Protein backbone atom coordinates (compact mmCIF):
# COMPACT_ATOMS: atom_id res chain seq x y z
CA MET A 1 198.51 143.96 88.56
CA LYS A 2 195.33 144.32 86.49
CA LEU A 3 196.68 141.84 83.94
CA THR A 4 197.48 139.33 86.68
CA TYR A 5 194.03 139.81 88.24
CA ARG A 6 192.30 139.32 84.89
CA ALA A 7 194.41 136.26 84.18
CA LEU A 8 193.48 134.80 87.54
CA MET A 9 189.78 135.52 86.98
CA GLY A 10 190.00 133.96 83.53
CA ALA A 11 191.62 130.88 84.97
CA CYS A 12 188.88 130.65 87.64
CA ALA A 13 186.22 130.99 84.98
CA VAL A 14 187.75 128.19 82.94
CA ALA A 15 187.95 126.03 86.06
CA ALA A 16 184.32 126.78 86.91
CA LEU A 17 183.22 125.87 83.39
CA SER A 18 185.28 122.71 83.56
CA THR A 19 183.73 121.72 86.92
CA GLY A 20 180.22 122.53 85.68
CA ALA A 21 180.77 120.34 82.66
CA THR A 22 181.79 117.34 84.75
CA ALA A 23 179.32 117.53 87.66
CA GLU A 24 175.75 118.75 87.76
CA THR A 25 174.23 119.44 91.19
CA ILE A 26 170.64 118.43 91.93
CA THR A 27 168.84 119.73 95.01
CA ILE A 28 166.56 117.32 96.87
CA ALA A 29 163.95 118.51 99.38
CA THR A 30 162.98 115.82 101.87
CA VAL A 31 161.31 115.21 105.22
CA ASN A 32 163.37 114.62 108.37
CA ASN A 33 162.23 111.09 109.15
CA GLY A 34 164.37 108.01 109.68
CA GLN A 35 163.98 106.45 106.25
CA MET A 36 165.00 109.68 104.50
CA ILE A 37 167.99 110.22 106.80
CA GLN A 38 169.00 106.65 105.96
CA MET A 39 168.79 107.50 102.23
CA GLN A 40 171.08 110.49 102.70
CA GLY A 41 173.62 108.24 104.38
CA LEU A 42 173.69 106.01 101.31
CA THR A 43 174.08 108.82 98.75
CA ASP A 44 177.70 107.81 98.09
CA ASP A 45 176.38 104.75 96.28
CA PHE A 46 174.44 106.98 93.89
CA THR A 47 177.30 109.40 93.23
CA ALA A 48 179.71 106.52 92.68
CA LYS A 49 177.40 105.20 89.98
CA ASN A 50 176.74 108.71 88.62
CA PRO A 51 180.03 110.67 88.98
CA ASP A 52 178.63 113.47 86.82
CA ILE A 53 175.91 114.27 89.38
CA ASP A 54 176.35 115.88 92.80
CA VAL A 55 173.54 115.85 95.38
CA GLU A 56 172.56 118.67 97.72
CA TRP A 57 170.04 117.89 100.47
CA VAL A 58 167.45 120.22 102.01
CA THR A 59 165.98 118.37 105.01
CA LEU A 60 162.90 119.89 106.63
CA GLU A 61 160.23 119.18 109.23
CA GLU A 62 157.07 117.85 107.55
CA ASN A 63 154.89 120.97 107.78
CA ILE A 64 157.69 123.29 106.62
CA LEU A 65 158.55 120.87 103.79
CA ARG A 66 154.95 120.99 102.56
CA GLN A 67 154.94 124.80 102.57
CA ARG A 68 158.27 125.14 100.75
CA VAL A 69 157.69 122.57 98.04
CA THR A 70 154.10 123.70 97.44
CA THR A 71 155.27 127.26 96.81
CA ASP A 72 158.10 126.13 94.58
CA VAL A 73 156.08 123.68 92.50
CA ALA A 74 153.13 126.05 92.02
CA THR A 75 155.37 128.88 90.77
CA LYS A 76 157.74 126.55 88.86
CA GLY A 77 160.49 128.26 90.82
CA GLY A 78 163.07 125.55 90.13
CA GLN A 79 164.52 125.68 93.65
CA TYR A 80 164.29 121.89 93.98
CA ASP A 81 164.95 119.16 91.41
CA VAL A 82 163.49 116.29 93.44
CA MET A 83 160.76 116.63 96.09
CA THR A 84 159.48 114.28 98.76
CA ILE A 85 155.68 114.50 98.65
CA GLY A 86 152.74 112.46 99.88
CA THR A 87 149.94 110.56 98.19
CA TYR A 88 147.62 113.52 98.80
CA GLU A 89 149.65 115.93 96.68
CA VAL A 90 150.52 113.67 93.73
CA PRO A 91 147.11 113.46 91.99
CA ILE A 92 146.45 117.18 92.49
CA TRP A 93 149.84 118.36 91.26
CA GLY A 94 149.99 115.82 88.45
CA LYS A 95 146.64 116.99 87.13
CA GLN A 96 147.85 120.61 87.30
CA GLY A 97 150.89 119.78 85.18
CA TRP A 98 153.23 120.67 88.04
CA LEU A 99 155.13 117.35 87.99
CA VAL A 100 157.25 115.58 85.39
CA PRO A 101 155.71 112.22 84.35
CA LEU A 102 157.84 109.18 85.19
CA SER A 103 156.39 106.80 82.63
CA ASP A 104 159.67 106.66 80.69
CA LEU A 105 161.81 105.10 83.43
CA PRO A 106 163.96 102.28 81.99
CA GLU A 107 162.60 98.75 81.72
CA SER A 108 165.13 97.60 84.34
CA TYR A 109 163.33 99.81 86.90
CA ASP A 110 160.31 97.46 86.63
CA ALA A 111 157.50 99.90 87.40
CA ASP A 112 155.07 96.97 87.16
CA ASP A 113 156.65 95.65 90.38
CA ILE A 114 155.21 98.61 92.34
CA LEU A 115 152.27 97.45 94.45
CA PRO A 116 149.08 98.21 92.47
CA ALA A 117 147.36 100.10 95.32
CA ILE A 118 150.38 102.35 95.86
CA ARG A 119 150.90 102.89 92.13
CA GLY A 120 147.23 103.73 91.64
CA GLY A 121 147.47 106.59 94.13
CA LEU A 122 150.44 108.07 92.24
CA THR A 123 148.92 107.81 88.77
CA VAL A 124 146.88 110.38 86.84
CA ASP A 125 145.28 109.47 83.50
CA GLY A 126 147.58 106.47 83.16
CA GLU A 127 150.79 108.43 83.87
CA LEU A 128 152.98 107.75 86.92
CA TYR A 129 153.87 111.12 88.50
CA ALA A 130 155.88 110.02 91.56
CA ALA A 131 157.91 106.98 92.60
CA PRO A 132 157.12 105.56 96.05
CA PHE A 133 159.95 105.50 98.58
CA TYR A 134 157.89 103.75 101.27
CA GLY A 135 154.23 102.96 101.69
CA GLU A 136 151.84 102.14 104.50
CA SER A 137 148.28 101.24 105.34
CA SER A 138 146.63 100.80 108.73
CA MET A 139 145.78 97.65 110.67
CA VAL A 140 144.81 96.32 114.09
CA MET A 141 147.63 95.81 116.59
CA TYR A 142 146.48 93.97 119.72
CA ARG A 143 147.62 92.33 122.95
CA ARG A 144 147.30 88.56 122.55
CA ASP A 145 147.46 88.04 126.33
CA LEU A 146 144.57 90.41 127.03
CA MET A 147 142.52 88.93 124.19
CA GLU A 148 143.03 85.45 125.61
CA ALA A 149 142.18 86.62 129.13
CA ALA A 150 138.91 88.04 127.76
CA GLY A 151 138.08 84.60 126.33
CA LEU A 152 138.21 85.85 122.74
CA GLU A 153 140.24 85.11 119.62
CA MET A 154 141.09 87.81 117.11
CA PRO A 155 140.04 86.89 113.55
CA GLU A 156 142.49 87.74 110.77
CA ALA A 157 139.76 89.97 109.26
CA PRO A 158 137.62 91.26 112.16
CA THR A 159 134.36 93.17 111.98
CA TRP A 160 133.71 96.42 113.83
CA GLU A 161 131.18 94.51 115.95
CA PHE A 162 133.91 92.15 117.16
CA ILE A 163 136.30 95.05 117.82
CA GLY A 164 133.64 96.72 119.96
CA GLU A 165 132.98 93.53 121.92
CA ALA A 166 136.68 92.81 122.46
CA ALA A 167 137.55 96.39 123.44
CA ARG A 168 134.90 96.47 126.15
CA ALA A 169 135.87 93.01 127.41
CA MET A 170 139.57 93.95 127.69
CA THR A 171 139.02 97.26 129.49
CA ASP A 172 140.12 97.40 133.15
CA ARG A 173 140.08 101.06 134.18
CA ASP A 174 141.31 100.30 137.71
CA ALA A 175 144.47 98.80 136.17
CA GLU A 176 144.68 101.64 133.60
CA ILE A 177 144.18 99.20 130.73
CA TYR A 178 141.91 100.47 127.96
CA GLY A 179 140.45 98.11 125.39
CA ILE A 180 141.16 100.39 122.45
CA CYS A 181 143.24 103.43 121.57
CA LEU A 182 142.26 105.46 118.50
CA ARG A 183 143.18 108.88 117.17
CA GLY A 184 141.15 111.76 118.56
CA LYS A 185 143.40 114.76 117.96
CA ALA A 186 141.91 117.17 115.40
CA GLY A 187 143.54 117.42 111.98
CA TRP A 188 143.10 116.27 108.39
CA GLY A 189 146.01 113.87 108.85
CA GLU A 190 145.15 113.02 112.46
CA ASN A 191 141.63 112.03 113.53
CA MET A 192 140.20 112.57 110.05
CA ALA A 193 142.65 110.12 108.48
CA PHE A 194 141.30 107.46 110.82
CA LEU A 195 137.64 108.50 110.68
CA THR A 196 137.56 108.89 106.89
CA ALA A 197 138.96 105.38 106.46
CA MET A 198 136.57 104.06 109.11
CA GLY A 199 133.68 105.89 107.42
CA ASN A 200 134.46 104.10 104.14
CA SER A 201 133.73 100.77 105.82
CA PHE A 202 130.42 102.13 107.19
CA GLY A 203 129.30 103.21 103.71
CA ALA A 204 130.10 106.90 104.32
CA ARG A 205 131.81 109.22 101.84
CA TRP A 206 132.95 112.83 101.81
CA PHE A 207 131.06 113.92 98.70
CA ASP A 208 128.52 112.46 96.30
CA MET A 209 129.11 112.50 92.54
CA ASP A 210 127.89 116.12 92.41
CA TRP A 211 130.45 117.15 95.07
CA LYS A 212 127.77 117.68 97.72
CA PRO A 213 129.05 116.97 101.27
CA GLN A 214 127.51 113.88 102.88
CA PHE A 215 127.75 114.47 106.63
CA ASP A 216 123.95 114.62 106.91
CA THR A 217 123.69 110.92 105.95
CA GLU A 218 122.91 107.90 108.11
CA ALA A 219 126.28 106.37 107.22
CA TRP A 220 128.22 109.23 108.82
CA ALA A 221 125.91 109.23 111.86
CA ASN A 222 126.55 105.50 112.29
CA THR A 223 130.32 106.00 111.93
CA LEU A 224 130.65 108.80 114.46
CA ASN A 225 128.21 107.31 116.99
CA PHE A 226 130.00 103.95 116.92
CA TYR A 227 133.41 105.62 117.31
CA ILE A 228 132.40 107.86 120.22
CA ASN A 229 130.44 105.16 122.06
CA LEU A 230 133.40 102.80 121.70
CA MET A 231 135.90 105.38 122.93
CA THR A 232 133.64 106.37 125.81
CA ASP A 233 133.28 102.77 126.95
CA ALA A 234 136.76 101.44 126.25
CA GLY A 235 139.11 104.30 125.37
CA PRO A 236 141.70 106.13 127.49
CA PRO A 237 140.95 109.44 129.21
CA GLY A 238 141.80 112.56 127.23
CA ALA A 239 141.51 110.69 123.93
CA SER A 240 140.54 113.87 122.06
CA SER A 241 144.18 114.99 122.44
CA ASN A 242 145.74 111.73 121.26
CA GLY A 243 147.35 111.29 117.86
CA PHE A 244 149.77 108.68 116.53
CA ASN A 245 152.61 109.39 118.97
CA GLU A 246 150.39 109.54 122.06
CA ASN A 247 148.67 106.25 121.25
CA LEU A 248 152.01 104.63 120.42
CA ALA A 249 153.29 105.55 123.89
CA LEU A 250 150.12 104.18 125.51
CA PHE A 251 150.38 100.90 123.62
CA GLN A 252 154.10 100.44 124.27
CA THR A 253 153.57 100.91 128.00
CA GLY A 254 150.85 98.26 128.12
CA LYS A 255 147.81 100.51 128.46
CA CYS A 256 145.99 99.55 125.22
CA GLY A 257 144.32 96.26 124.38
CA MET A 258 144.04 97.25 120.73
CA TRP A 259 145.30 100.05 118.53
CA ILE A 260 144.25 100.66 114.93
CA ASP A 261 146.84 102.80 113.16
CA ALA A 262 149.68 102.93 110.64
CA THR A 263 151.34 99.66 109.64
CA VAL A 264 154.77 101.28 110.14
CA ALA A 265 154.06 101.21 113.90
CA ALA A 266 154.42 97.43 113.87
CA SER A 267 158.21 97.61 114.09
CA PHE A 268 157.95 99.96 117.09
CA VAL A 269 155.45 97.95 119.16
CA THR A 270 157.37 94.68 118.59
CA ASN A 271 160.77 96.13 119.47
CA PRO A 272 161.64 94.88 122.99
CA ALA A 273 163.95 97.86 123.51
CA GLU A 274 160.97 100.22 123.14
CA SER A 275 157.84 98.21 124.00
CA THR A 276 156.97 96.49 127.28
CA VAL A 277 154.50 94.25 125.45
CA ALA A 278 156.68 93.41 122.43
CA ASP A 279 156.29 89.63 122.83
CA GLN A 280 152.48 89.80 123.08
CA VAL A 281 151.58 91.79 119.95
CA GLY A 282 149.38 90.31 117.25
CA PHE A 283 148.12 91.82 114.00
CA ALA A 284 144.86 91.79 112.04
CA LEU A 285 143.32 93.61 109.10
CA ALA A 286 141.45 96.83 109.81
CA PRO A 287 137.77 96.09 110.57
CA ASP A 288 134.83 96.07 108.18
CA ASN A 289 131.03 95.94 108.27
CA GLY A 290 130.52 93.44 105.50
CA LEU A 291 129.93 96.20 102.92
CA GLY A 292 133.01 95.46 100.82
CA LYS A 293 135.38 98.08 102.25
CA ARG A 294 137.75 97.80 105.21
CA GLY A 295 138.56 100.73 107.48
CA ASN A 296 142.21 101.09 106.48
CA TRP A 297 143.98 103.94 104.74
CA LEU A 298 146.75 104.18 102.16
CA TRP A 299 149.78 106.48 102.15
CA ALA A 300 153.19 106.72 100.56
CA TRP A 301 156.07 109.14 100.83
CA SER A 302 157.26 109.44 97.25
CA LEU A 303 159.89 111.19 95.17
CA ALA A 304 158.64 113.50 92.41
CA ILE A 305 160.27 115.88 89.95
CA PRO A 306 158.80 119.40 89.71
CA ALA A 307 158.07 120.70 86.22
CA GLY A 308 160.23 123.77 87.00
CA THR A 309 163.50 121.82 87.18
CA GLN A 310 166.26 122.49 84.66
CA LYS A 311 167.90 119.15 85.50
CA GLU A 312 165.22 116.62 84.63
CA GLU A 313 167.51 113.86 83.35
CA ALA A 314 169.76 113.92 86.43
CA ALA A 315 166.72 114.10 88.74
CA LYS A 316 165.19 111.03 87.07
CA LYS A 317 168.41 109.09 87.61
CA PHE A 318 168.23 109.85 91.34
CA VAL A 319 164.55 108.93 91.64
CA GLU A 320 165.24 105.69 89.80
CA TRP A 321 168.14 104.86 92.14
CA ALA A 322 166.35 105.69 95.40
CA THR A 323 163.16 103.75 94.63
CA SER A 324 164.68 100.73 92.89
CA LYS A 325 164.96 97.07 93.88
CA ASP A 326 168.71 97.56 94.13
CA TYR A 327 168.23 100.26 96.76
CA LEU A 328 166.24 97.86 98.97
CA GLU A 329 169.08 95.35 98.73
CA LEU A 330 171.59 98.09 99.55
CA VAL A 331 169.72 98.94 102.77
CA ALA A 332 169.33 95.26 103.66
CA ALA A 333 173.06 94.68 103.26
CA LYS A 334 173.81 97.59 105.57
CA ASP A 335 170.99 97.49 108.16
CA GLY A 336 169.10 94.21 107.68
CA TRP A 337 165.85 93.40 105.87
CA ALA A 338 163.65 94.57 108.75
CA ASN A 339 164.84 98.14 108.13
CA VAL A 340 164.27 98.45 104.38
CA PRO A 341 161.64 100.98 103.25
CA PRO A 342 158.38 98.95 103.31
CA GLY A 343 155.22 98.87 101.29
CA THR A 344 156.29 99.70 97.74
CA ARG A 345 157.31 96.61 95.74
CA THR A 346 155.75 93.19 95.19
CA SER A 347 159.19 91.59 94.95
CA LEU A 348 160.05 92.66 98.51
CA TYR A 349 157.13 90.66 99.87
CA GLU A 350 158.12 87.67 97.71
CA ASN A 351 161.58 87.72 99.29
CA PRO A 352 161.73 84.76 101.76
CA GLU A 353 164.04 86.66 104.13
CA TYR A 354 161.60 89.58 104.35
CA ALA A 355 158.61 87.25 104.62
CA GLU A 356 159.94 86.00 107.98
CA ILE A 357 159.29 89.40 109.59
CA PRO A 358 156.12 88.93 111.73
CA PHE A 359 154.20 91.91 110.35
CA ALA A 360 155.26 91.68 106.68
CA LYS A 361 152.26 89.73 105.37
CA MET A 362 149.65 91.73 107.28
CA THR A 363 151.19 95.00 106.05
CA LEU A 364 151.00 93.76 102.46
CA ASP A 365 147.44 92.50 102.84
CA SER A 366 146.41 95.83 104.37
CA ILE A 367 147.95 97.85 101.54
CA ASN A 368 146.40 95.59 98.90
CA SER A 369 142.92 95.91 100.38
CA ALA A 370 142.94 99.71 99.93
CA ASP A 371 141.71 101.15 96.63
CA PRO A 372 142.42 104.88 96.19
CA ASN A 373 140.43 105.03 92.96
CA ASN A 374 137.31 103.48 94.54
CA PRO A 375 137.67 104.15 98.27
CA ALA A 376 134.00 104.13 99.33
CA VAL A 377 131.08 101.73 99.04
CA ASP A 378 129.23 104.17 96.78
CA PRO A 379 130.86 106.02 93.83
CA VAL A 380 132.85 109.17 94.60
CA PRO A 381 134.30 111.89 92.33
CA TYR A 382 137.66 111.97 94.13
CA VAL A 383 140.79 109.85 94.47
CA GLY A 384 142.15 109.00 97.93
CA VAL A 385 141.32 106.59 100.75
CA GLN A 386 141.67 108.70 103.92
CA PHE A 387 141.46 112.00 102.04
CA ALA A 388 139.90 113.51 98.94
CA ALA A 389 142.62 114.66 96.54
CA ILE A 390 141.39 118.21 95.99
CA PRO A 391 143.24 121.36 97.15
CA GLU A 392 140.38 122.40 99.46
CA PHE A 393 140.42 119.16 101.45
CA GLN A 394 143.13 120.11 103.95
CA GLY A 395 141.26 123.15 105.23
CA ILE A 396 137.81 121.55 105.23
CA ALA A 397 138.96 118.32 106.86
CA THR A 398 140.86 120.12 109.60
CA ALA A 399 137.71 122.10 110.47
CA VAL A 400 135.58 118.93 110.40
CA GLY A 401 138.20 117.21 112.55
CA GLN A 402 137.79 119.94 115.17
CA GLN A 403 134.03 119.26 115.28
CA PHE A 404 134.53 115.52 115.68
CA SER A 405 137.25 115.95 118.31
CA ALA A 406 134.88 118.20 120.27
CA ALA A 407 132.20 115.51 120.10
CA LEU A 408 134.68 112.97 121.47
CA ALA A 409 135.61 115.38 124.27
CA GLY A 410 131.90 115.79 125.10
CA THR A 411 131.77 119.54 124.46
CA THR A 412 129.32 119.09 121.58
CA SER A 413 126.88 116.38 120.52
CA VAL A 414 127.32 113.99 117.61
CA GLU A 415 124.29 115.53 115.93
CA ASP A 416 125.64 119.08 116.22
CA ALA A 417 129.12 118.03 115.12
CA LEU A 418 127.72 116.42 111.96
CA ALA A 419 125.42 119.38 111.25
CA ASN A 420 128.33 121.81 111.65
CA ALA A 421 130.52 119.63 109.45
CA GLN A 422 127.84 119.57 106.75
CA ASN A 423 127.39 123.34 106.87
CA LEU A 424 131.06 124.29 106.78
CA ALA A 425 131.88 121.75 104.07
CA THR A 426 128.95 122.93 101.94
CA ARG A 427 129.99 126.55 102.38
CA GLU A 428 133.59 125.91 101.33
CA MET A 429 132.69 123.68 98.38
CA THR A 430 130.22 126.29 97.16
CA ARG A 431 132.80 129.05 97.54
CA ALA A 432 135.32 126.96 95.59
CA GLY A 433 132.83 126.47 92.75
CA TYR A 434 132.27 122.72 93.07
CA ILE A 435 128.56 123.17 93.81
CA LYS A 436 126.14 125.96 92.95
């Protein structure tokens, strides 16, 4: 019996070794959004082309994903071989040596085809540290019928002054129509994403070149006063609780004259199955003040390889597949060009079939007008358009966002909100050793 048992175990061991030699399993951690679910559904194409690689998916809600991958990458735990991370993490982790550089992808991948603005946000010291799966900026979405009724015409590149005039002219509170809907919910990725990008166009910045917070400047006072006065005059009630999803619902039900937010929302507000105003939506670039910067952000969900992986070669093959030109064509063949991951490659926007989509050009123009390496009017020591790519930013910006949300709600003044923001940011930057 013992001999039989040992023989069986030996046979199993041989089989296991044989299987291991023919197929290597890579584990991919990703966020549970539509584009990533779509990618999982197309994995058979990858495994057919790479029969020696199996794929295991770990799909998580965004906040949990951030926690898990941050812990794994910082400790080089090796739990994941490919991670889905955002533009905020890439420059920080790349600089720390936590990610595998992707500069040696084959020539056929055509890294030069990646949109320069997106590529710039994923590059550290000339090295590409993540490959973009889809990218976005922000832009103005507006009701053409309400604009016409107000006797105005939206320019392709409006100023904040025009936006203010149009928002007030389109507001009809008795009919529950508000001239503008903007993020007010506190959070580094909520109201502060919008207000940081807006601040850039007003000449504001988070820190000067010595890392000193700048909330005590005239530029930030002008930004916050304009925003709160505009929302008070032309915004919906309870705006301090509204983020992307709340404003999307308001716009789709016809309650917003204008909405300035993520370019990916364009497909939602123009979908007649979801939007009551789908046939009336127009698009324009995010506003400016004539200072050389528009008030739009830049973001990409990207695939990166943690330095702790033991399966670098296989992981690179997957990243190459999922972010390639061929992948876009694969999605188009299955679901149509309107559903391909947007905002990553120049060639997509040169495709005549994709160019017919109403929001394609404005999305591209919005992305191209963002510069993560020079986001503000004045020089800054950080990379990032709607964020500063330093580890401390999340905590500081969430606290600042709470101050600004309170000012919008009317529970504190603009002056006090800015003073509190300056104090808390200075305290945290001093504690972290950026300033003495």
